[in-house]
PDB file of N, CA and C in Angstrom:
ATOM      1  N   MET A   1       1.018  -1.263   0.099  1.00  0.00           N
ATOM      2  CA  MET A   1       0.056  -0.030  -0.195  1.00  0.00           C
ATOM      3  C   MET A   1       1.020   1.436  -0.039  1.00  0.00           C
ATOM      4  N   ARG A   2       0.525   2.180  -0.802  1.00  0.00           N
ATOM      5  CA  ARG A   2       1.233   3.464  -1.012  1.00  0.00           C
ATOM      6  C   ARG A   2       0.991   4.137   0.428  1.00  0.00           C
ATOM      7  N   LYS A   3       2.330   4.725   0.780  1.00  0.00           N
ATOM      8  CA  LYS A   3       2.263   5.768   1.904  1.00  0.00           C
ATOM      9  C   LYS A   3       2.344   7.138   1.243  1.00  0.00           C
ATOM     10  N   PRO A   4       1.705   8.169   1.735  1.00  0.00           N
ATOM     11  CA  PRO A   4       1.759   9.484   1.212  1.00  0.00           C
ATOM     12  C   PRO A   4       3.132  10.110   1.755  1.00  0.00           C
ATOM     13  N   GLU A   5       3.704  10.947   0.979  1.00  0.00           N
ATOM     14  CA  GLU A   5       4.773  11.681   1.555  1.00  0.00           C
ATOM     15  C   GLU A   5       4.401  12.797   2.377  1.00  0.00           C
ATOM     16  N   ASP A   6       5.393  13.196   3.476  1.00  0.00           N
ATOM     17  CA  ASP A   6       4.815  14.177   4.515  1.00  0.00           C
ATOM     18  C   ASP A   6       4.698  15.492   4.050  1.00  0.00           C
ATOM     19  N   GLU A   7       5.174  15.789   3.058  1.00  0.00           N
ATOM     20  CA  GLU A   7       4.890  17.068   2.296  1.00  0.00           C
ATOM     21  C   GLU A   7       3.517  17.374   1.836  1.00  0.00           C
ATOM     22  N   TYR A   8       3.002  16.176   1.183  1.00  0.00           N
ATOM     23  CA  TYR A   8       1.771  15.956   0.824  1.00  0.00           C
ATOM     24  C   TYR A   8       0.429  16.056   1.964  1.00  0.00           C
ATOM     25  N   LEU A   9       1.129  15.271   2.820  1.00  0.00           N
ATOM     26  CA  LEU A   9       0.073  15.069   4.144  1.00  0.00           C
ATOM     27  C   LEU A   9      -0.137  16.300   4.820  1.00  0.00           C
ATOM     28  N   GLU A  10       0.877  17.032   4.848  1.00  0.00           N
ATOM     29  CA  GLU A  10       1.319  18.588   5.336  1.00  0.00           C
ATOM     30  C   GLU A  10       0.129  19.331   4.350  1.00  0.00           C
ATOM     31  N   LYS A  11       0.337  19.246   3.137  1.00  0.00           N
ATOM     32  CA  LYS A  11      -0.564  19.868   2.085  1.00  0.00           C
ATOM     33  C   LYS A  11      -1.920  19.549   1.969  1.00  0.00           C
ATOM     34  N   ALA A  12      -2.315  18.563   2.371  1.00  0.00           N
ATOM     35  CA  ALA A  12      -3.577  17.891   2.497  1.00  0.00           C
ATOM     36  C   ALA A  12      -4.301  18.340   4.035  1.00  0.00           C
ATOM     37  N   GLY A  13      -3.647  18.614   4.966  1.00  0.00           N
ATOM     38  CA  GLY A  13      -3.985  19.112   6.239  1.00  0.00           C
ATOM     39  C   GLY A  13      -4.444  20.425   6.159  1.00  0.00           C
ATOM     40  N   GLN A  14      -4.075  21.289   5.162  1.00  0.00           N
ATOM     41  CA  GLN A  14      -4.046  22.556   5.154  1.00  0.00           C
ATOM     42  C   GLN A  14      -5.203  22.853   3.976  1.00  0.00           C
ATOM     43  N   LEU A  15      -5.999  22.096   3.579  1.00  0.00           N
ATOM     44  CA  LEU A  15      -6.888  22.218   2.579  1.00  0.00           C
ATOM     45  C   LEU A  15      -8.098  22.453   2.977  1.00  0.00           C
ATOM     46  N   SER A  16      -9.078  23.339   2.272  1.00  0.00           N
ATOM     47  CA  SER A  16     -10.519  23.515   2.929  1.00  0.00           C
ATOM     48  C   SER A  16     -11.228  22.297   2.751  1.00  0.00           C
ATOM     49  N   GLU A  17     -12.375  22.474   3.453  1.00  0.00           N
ATOM     50  CA  GLU A  17     -13.520  21.152   3.243  1.00  0.00           C
ATOM     51  C   GLU A  17     -13.691  21.044   1.678  1.00  0.00           C
ATOM     52  N   GLU A  18     -14.173  21.969   0.900  1.00  0.00           N
ATOM     53  CA  GLU A  18     -14.619  22.169  -0.175  1.00  0.00           C
ATOM     54  C   GLU A  18     -13.318  21.588  -1.438  1.00  0.00           C
ATOM     55  N   GLU A  19     -12.021  22.028  -1.023  1.00  0.00           N
ATOM     56  CA  GLU A  19     -11.145  21.496  -1.854  1.00  0.00           C
ATOM     57  C   GLU A  19     -10.743  19.941  -1.302  1.00  0.00           C
ATOM     58  N   THR A  20     -11.044  19.669  -0.284  1.00  0.00           N
ATOM     59  CA  THR A  20     -10.920  18.132   0.213  1.00  0.00           C
ATOM     60  C   THR A  20     -11.989  17.192  -0.572  1.00  0.00           C
ATOM     61  N   GLU A  21     -12.806  17.790  -0.550  1.00  0.00           N
ATOM     62  CA  GLU A  21     -14.247  17.318  -1.175  1.00  0.00           C
ATOM     63  C   GLU A  21     -14.180  17.061  -2.683  1.00  0.00           C
ATOM     64  N   ARG A  22     -13.465  17.964  -3.464  1.00  0.00           N
ATOM     65  CA  ARG A  22     -13.062  17.892  -4.779  1.00  0.00           C
ATOM     66  C   ARG A  22     -12.102  16.866  -4.922  1.00  0.00           C
ATOM     67  N   LEU A  23     -11.157  16.716  -4.149  1.00  0.00           N
ATOM     68  CA  LEU A  23     -10.079  15.705  -4.486  1.00  0.00           C
ATOM     69  C   LEU A  23     -10.715  14.580  -4.259  1.00  0.00           C
ATOM     70  N   LEU A  24     -11.268  14.270  -3.243  1.00  0.00           N
ATOM     71  CA  LEU A  24     -12.221  13.124  -2.927  1.00  0.00           C
ATOM     72  C   LEU A  24     -13.041  12.670  -3.968  1.00  0.00           C
ATOM     73  N   ALA A  25     -13.694  13.415  -4.632  1.00  0.00           N
ATOM     74  CA  ALA A  25     -14.442  13.151  -5.803  1.00  0.00           C
ATOM     75  C   ALA A  25     -13.518  12.750  -7.098  1.00  0.00           C
ATOM     76  N   ARG A  26     -12.434  13.012  -7.109  1.00  0.00           N
ATOM     77  CA  ARG A  26     -11.711  12.971  -8.245  1.00  0.00           C
ATOM     78  C   ARG A  26     -10.971  11.419  -8.218  1.00  0.00           C
ATOM     79  N   MET A  27     -10.711  10.797  -6.741  1.00  0.00           N
ATOM     80  CA  MET A  27     -10.006   9.872  -6.167  1.00  0.00           C
ATOM     81  C   MET A  27     -10.447   8.602  -7.096  1.00  0.00           C
ATOM     82  N   ARG A  28      -9.253   7.499  -7.306  1.00  0.00           N
ATOM     83  CA  ARG A  28      -9.613   6.659  -8.113  1.00  0.00           C
ATOM     84  C   ARG A  28     -10.289   5.421  -7.074  1.00  0.00           C
ATOM     85  N   SER A  29     -10.976   4.512  -7.722  1.00  0.00           N
ATOM     86  CA  SER A  29     -11.690   3.570  -7.158  1.00  0.00           C
ATOM     87  C   SER A  29     -10.904   2.743  -6.154  1.00  0.00           C
ATOM     88  N   LYS A  30      -9.564   2.418  -6.224  1.00  0.00           N
ATOM     89  CA  LYS A  30      -8.675   1.826  -5.355  1.00  0.00           C
ATOM     90  C   LYS A  30      -8.372   2.589  -4.050  1.00  0.00           C
ATOM     91  N   LEU A  31      -8.336   3.711  -4.076  1.00  0.00           N
ATOM     92  CA  LEU A  31      -8.122   4.696  -2.731  1.00  0.00           C
ATOM     93  C   LEU A  31      -9.303   4.863  -2.030  1.00  0.00           C
ATOM     94  N   THR A  32     -10.489   4.855  -3.066  1.00  0.00           N
ATOM     95  CA  THR A  32     -11.716   4.988  -2.313  1.00  0.00           C
ATOM     96  C   THR A  32     -12.079   3.953  -1.653  1.00  0.00           C
ATOM     97  N   ARG A  33     -11.902   2.696  -2.104  1.00  0.00           N
ATOM     98  CA  ARG A  33     -11.867   1.468  -1.208  1.00  0.00           C
ATOM     99  C   ARG A  33     -11.273   1.185  -0.208  1.00  0.00           C
ATOM    100  N   ARG A  34      -9.913   1.711  -0.174  1.00  0.00           N
ATOM    101  CA  ARG A  34      -9.186   1.785   1.007  1.00  0.00           C
ATOM    102  C   ARG A  34      -9.423   2.812   2.183  1.00  0.00           C
ATOM    103  N   LEU A  35     -10.231   3.690   1.531  1.00  0.00           N
ATOM    104  CA  LEU A  35     -10.871   4.898   2.431  1.00  0.00           C
ATOM    105  C   LEU A  35     -12.251   4.086   3.218  1.00  0.00           C
ATOM    106  N   GLU A  36     -13.019   3.349   2.413  1.00  0.00           N
ATOM    107  CA  GLU A  36     -14.403   2.878   2.923  1.00  0.00           C
ATOM    108  C   GLU A  36     -13.728   1.789   3.986  1.00  0.00           C
ATOM    109  N   ASN A  37     -12.849   1.218   3.664  1.00  0.00           N
ATOM    110  CA  ASN A  37     -12.175  -0.182   4.476  1.00  0.00           C
ATOM    111  C   ASN A  37     -11.642   0.393   5.352  1.00  0.00           C
ATOM    112  N   ARG A  38     -11.102   1.841   6.048  1.00  0.00           N
ATOM    113  CA  ARG A  38     -10.765   2.200   7.003  1.00  0.00           C
ATOM    114  C   ARG A  38      -9.225   1.657   7.203  1.00  0.00           C
ATOM    115  N   LYS A  39      -8.538   1.823   5.793  1.00  0.00           N
ATOM    116  CA  LYS A  39      -7.319   0.972   5.685  1.00  0.00           C
ATOM    117  C   LYS A  39      -6.408   2.595   5.874  1.00  0.00           C
ATOM    118  N   MET A  40      -6.954   3.741   5.371  1.00  0.00           N
ATOM    119  CA  MET A  40      -6.145   4.952   5.407  1.00  0.00           C
ATOM    120  C   MET A  40      -7.252   6.125   5.859  1.00  0.00           C
ATOM    121  N   SER A  41      -6.549   6.927   6.449  1.00  0.00           N
ATOM    122  CA  SER A  41      -7.603   8.264   6.627  1.00  0.00           C
ATOM    123  C   SER A  41      -8.132   9.021   5.578  1.00  0.00           C
ATOM    124  N   VAL A  42      -8.881  10.127   5.707  1.00  0.00           N
ATOM    125  CA  VAL A  42      -8.967  10.643   4.919  1.00  0.00           C
ATOM    126  C   VAL A  42      -7.908  11.816   4.204  1.00  0.00           C
ATOM    127  N   GLN A  43      -7.140  12.280   5.288  1.00  0.00           N
ATOM    128  CA  GLN A  43      -5.646  12.945   5.163  1.00  0.00           C
ATOM    129  C   GLN A  43      -4.913  12.411   4.287  1.00  0.00           C
ATOM    130  N   GLU A  44      -4.685  11.080   4.447  1.00  0.00           N
ATOM    131  CA  GLU A  44      -3.767  10.047   3.729  1.00  0.00           C
ATOM    132  C   GLU A  44      -4.299   9.955   2.339  1.00  0.00           C
ATOM    133  N   ALA A  45      -5.539   9.383   2.094  1.00  0.00           N
ATOM    134  CA  ALA A  45      -6.136   9.600   0.668  1.00  0.00           C
ATOM    135  C   ALA A  45      -5.896  10.536  -0.220  1.00  0.00           C
ATOM    136  N   VAL A  46      -6.126  11.875   0.595  1.00  0.00           N
ATOM    137  CA  VAL A  46      -6.226  12.948  -0.105  1.00  0.00           C
ATOM    138  C   VAL A  46      -4.652  13.500  -0.314  1.00  0.00           C
ATOM    139  N   ALA A  47      -3.783  13.179   0.196  1.00  0.00           N
ATOM    140  CA  ALA A  47      -2.200  13.339   0.343  1.00  0.00           C
ATOM    141  C   ALA A  47      -1.773  12.452  -1.010  1.00  0.00           C
ATOM    142  N   ILE A  48      -2.358  11.324  -1.339  1.00  0.00           N
ATOM    143  CA  ILE A  48      -2.013  10.454  -1.873  1.00  0.00           C
ATOM    144  C   ILE A  48      -2.481  10.842  -3.642  1.00  0.00           C
ATOM    145  N   GLN A  49      -3.923  11.449  -3.369  1.00  0.00           N
ATOM    146  CA  GLN A  49      -4.386  12.099  -4.845  1.00  0.00           C
ATOM    147  C   GLN A  49      -3.765  13.065  -5.111  1.00  0.00           C
ATOM    148  N   LEU A  50      -3.270  14.000  -4.230  1.00  0.00           N
ATOM    149  CA  LEU A  50      -2.313  15.286  -4.627  1.00  0.00           C
ATOM    150  C   LEU A  50      -1.173  14.670  -5.103  1.00  0.00           C
ATOM    151  N   GLU A  51      -0.518  13.589  -4.770  1.00  0.00           N
ATOM    152  CA  GLU A  51       0.821  13.294  -5.285  1.00  0.00           C
ATOM    153  C   GLU A  51       0.551  12.626  -6.690  1.00  0.00           C
ATOM    154  N   ILE A  52      -0.504  11.889  -6.920  1.00  0.00           N
ATOM    155  CA  ILE A  52      -0.871  11.491  -8.108  1.00  0.00           C
ATOM    156  C   ILE A  52      -1.341  12.412  -9.364  1.00  0.00           C
ATOM    157  N   GLU A  53      -1.972  13.450  -8.587  1.00  0.00           N
ATOM    158  CA  GLU A  53      -2.258  14.591  -9.704  1.00  0.00           C
ATOM    159  C   GLU A  53      -0.818  15.325  -9.755  1.00  0.00           C
ATOM    160  N   ASP A  54      -0.230  15.757  -9.136  1.00  0.00           N
ATOM    161  CA  ASP A  54       1.121  16.412  -9.270  1.00  0.00           C
ATOM    162  C   ASP A  54       1.953  15.398 -10.401  1.00  0.00           C
ATOM    163  N   GLU A  55       2.195  14.129 -10.216  1.00  0.00           N
ATOM    164  CA  GLU A  55       2.873  13.534 -11.078  1.00  0.00           C
ATOM    165  C   GLU A  55       2.289  13.404 -12.560  1.00  0.00           C
ATOM    166  N   GLU A  56       0.786  13.466 -12.641  1.00  0.00           N
ATOM    167  CA  GLU A  56       0.129  13.538 -13.838  1.00  0.00           C
ATOM    168  C   GLU A  56       0.255  14.649 -14.583  1.00  0.00           C
ATOM    169  N   LEU A  57       0.446  15.858 -13.584  1.00  0.00           N
ATOM    170  CA  LEU A  57       0.465  17.115 -14.130  1.00  0.00           C
ATOM    171  C   LEU A  57       1.818  17.346 -14.896  1.00  0.00           C
ATOM    172  N   GLN A  58       3.013  16.537 -14.181  1.00  0.00           N
ATOM    173  CA  GLN A  58       4.250  16.847 -14.664  1.00  0.00           C
ATOM    174  C   GLN A  58       4.718  15.955 -15.955  1.00  0.00           C
ATOM    175  N   GLU A  59       3.894  14.858 -15.928  1.00  0.00           N
ATOM    176  CA  GLU A  59       4.056  13.852 -17.225  1.00  0.00           C
ATOM    177  C   GLU A  59       3.268  14.994 -18.403  1.00  0.00           C
ATOM    178  N   TRP A  60       2.161  15.242 -18.328  1.00  0.00           N
ATOM    179  CA  TRP A  60       1.347  16.391 -19.167  1.00  0.00           C
ATOM    180  C   TRP A  60       2.106  17.122 -19.710  1.00  0.00           C
ATOM    181  N   ARG A  61       3.045  18.014 -18.751  1.00  0.00           N
ATOM    182  CA  ARG A  61       3.649  19.127 -19.199  1.00  0.00           C
ATOM    183  C   ARG A  61       4.754  18.904 -20.030  1.00  0.00           C
ATOM    184  N   ALA A  62       5.605  17.478 -19.770  1.00  0.00           N
ATOM    185  CA  ALA A  62       6.388  16.945 -20.827  1.00  0.00           C
ATOM    186  C   ALA A  62       5.902  16.776 -21.961  1.00  0.00           C
ATOM    187  N   ARG A  63       4.925  16.045 -21.889  1.00  0.00           N
ATOM    188  CA  ARG A  63       4.379  15.587 -23.281  1.00  0.00           C
ATOM    189  C   ARG A  63       3.900  16.690 -24.213  1.00  0.00           C
ATOM    190  N   MET A  64       3.268  17.962 -23.494  1.00  0.00           N
ATOM    191  CA  MET A  64       3.163  19.181 -24.111  1.00  0.00           C
ATOM    192  C   MET A  64       4.524  20.024 -24.796  1.00  0.00           C
ATOM    193  N   ALA A  65       5.421  19.875 -23.750  1.00  0.00           N
ATOM    194  CA  ALA A  65       6.509  20.373 -24.273  1.00  0.00           C
ATOM    195  C   ALA A  65       7.241  19.727 -25.572  1.00  0.00           C
ATOM    196  N   GLU A  66       7.207  18.275 -25.572  1.00  0.00           N
ATOM    197  CA  GLU A  66       7.515  17.849 -26.844  1.00  0.00           C
ATOM    198  C   GLU A  66       6.757  17.986 -27.815  1.00  0.00           C
ATOM    199  N   ILE A  67       5.397  18.102 -27.774  1.00  0.00           N
ATOM    200  CA  ILE A  67       4.229  18.178 -29.021  1.00  0.00           C
ATOM    201  C   ILE A  67       4.428  19.686 -29.459  1.00  0.00           C
ATOM    202  N   ARG A  68       5.075  20.671 -28.680  1.00  0.00           N
ATOM    203  CA  ARG A  68       5.381  22.012 -29.092  1.00  0.00           C
ATOM    204  C   ARG A  68       6.449  22.052 -30.032  1.00  0.00           C
ATOM    205  N   LYS A  69       7.605  21.414 -29.000  1.00  0.00           N
ATOM    206  CA  LYS A  69       9.120  21.232 -29.924  1.00  0.00           C
ATOM    207  C   LYS A  69       8.881  20.704 -31.312  1.00  0.00           C
ATOM    208  N   GLU A  70       8.125  19.406 -31.548  1.00  0.00           N
ATOM    209  CA  GLU A  70       7.826  18.765 -32.504  1.00  0.00           C
ATOM    210  C   GLU A  70       7.054  19.729 -33.591  1.00  0.00           C
ATOM    211  N   SER A  71       6.242  20.412 -33.330  1.00  0.00           N
ATOM    212  CA  SER A  71       4.980  21.452 -33.762  1.00  0.00           C
ATOM    213  C   SER A  71       6.179  22.561 -34.637  1.00  0.00           C
ATOM    214  N   LYS A  72       7.172  23.118 -33.931  1.00  0.00           N
ATOM    215  CA  LYS A  72       7.876  24.230 -34.213  1.00  0.00           C
ATOM    216  C   LYS A  72       8.770  23.619 -35.395  1.00  0.00           C
ATOM    217  N   LYS A  73       9.320  22.393 -35.097  1.00  0.00           N
ATOM    218  CA  LYS A  73      10.184  21.680 -36.247  1.00  0.00           C
ATOM    219  C   LYS A  73       9.222  21.680 -37.469  1.00  0.00           C
ATOM    220  N   LYS A  74       8.108  21.321 -37.521  1.00  0.00           N
ATOM    221  CA  LYS A  74       7.280  21.163 -38.501  1.00  0.00           C
ATOM    222  C   LYS A  74       6.730  22.515 -39.353  1.00  0.00           C
ATOM    223  N   SER A  75       6.756  23.623 -38.277  1.00  0.00           N
ATOM    224  CA  SER A  75       6.367  24.899 -38.937  1.00  0.00           C
ATOM    225  C   SER A  75       7.414  25.785 -39.774  1.00  0.00           C
ATOM    226  N   PRO A  76       7.008  26.279 -41.121  1.00  0.00           N
ATOM    227  CA  PRO A  76       8.255  26.917 -41.495  1.00  0.00           C
ATOM    228  C   PRO A  76       8.480  28.113 -41.166  1.00  0.00           C
TER     229      PRO A  76
END
């Protein structure tokens, strides 16, 4: 089972109730099941979701940079 990093636990603890709800709504089913089975706290689940979203954002940015780079090569 993935454990959240301290940095993300701290961020999760500072979120408003609405921000926490939004993250919980986007959470993957695996995390949701762990939360429902009380295998982790809400703060831990939100911290992991924050980590996942940060990783996905970094990957997306890298892909977009590559697309822009390729697009510039093709443009006259």
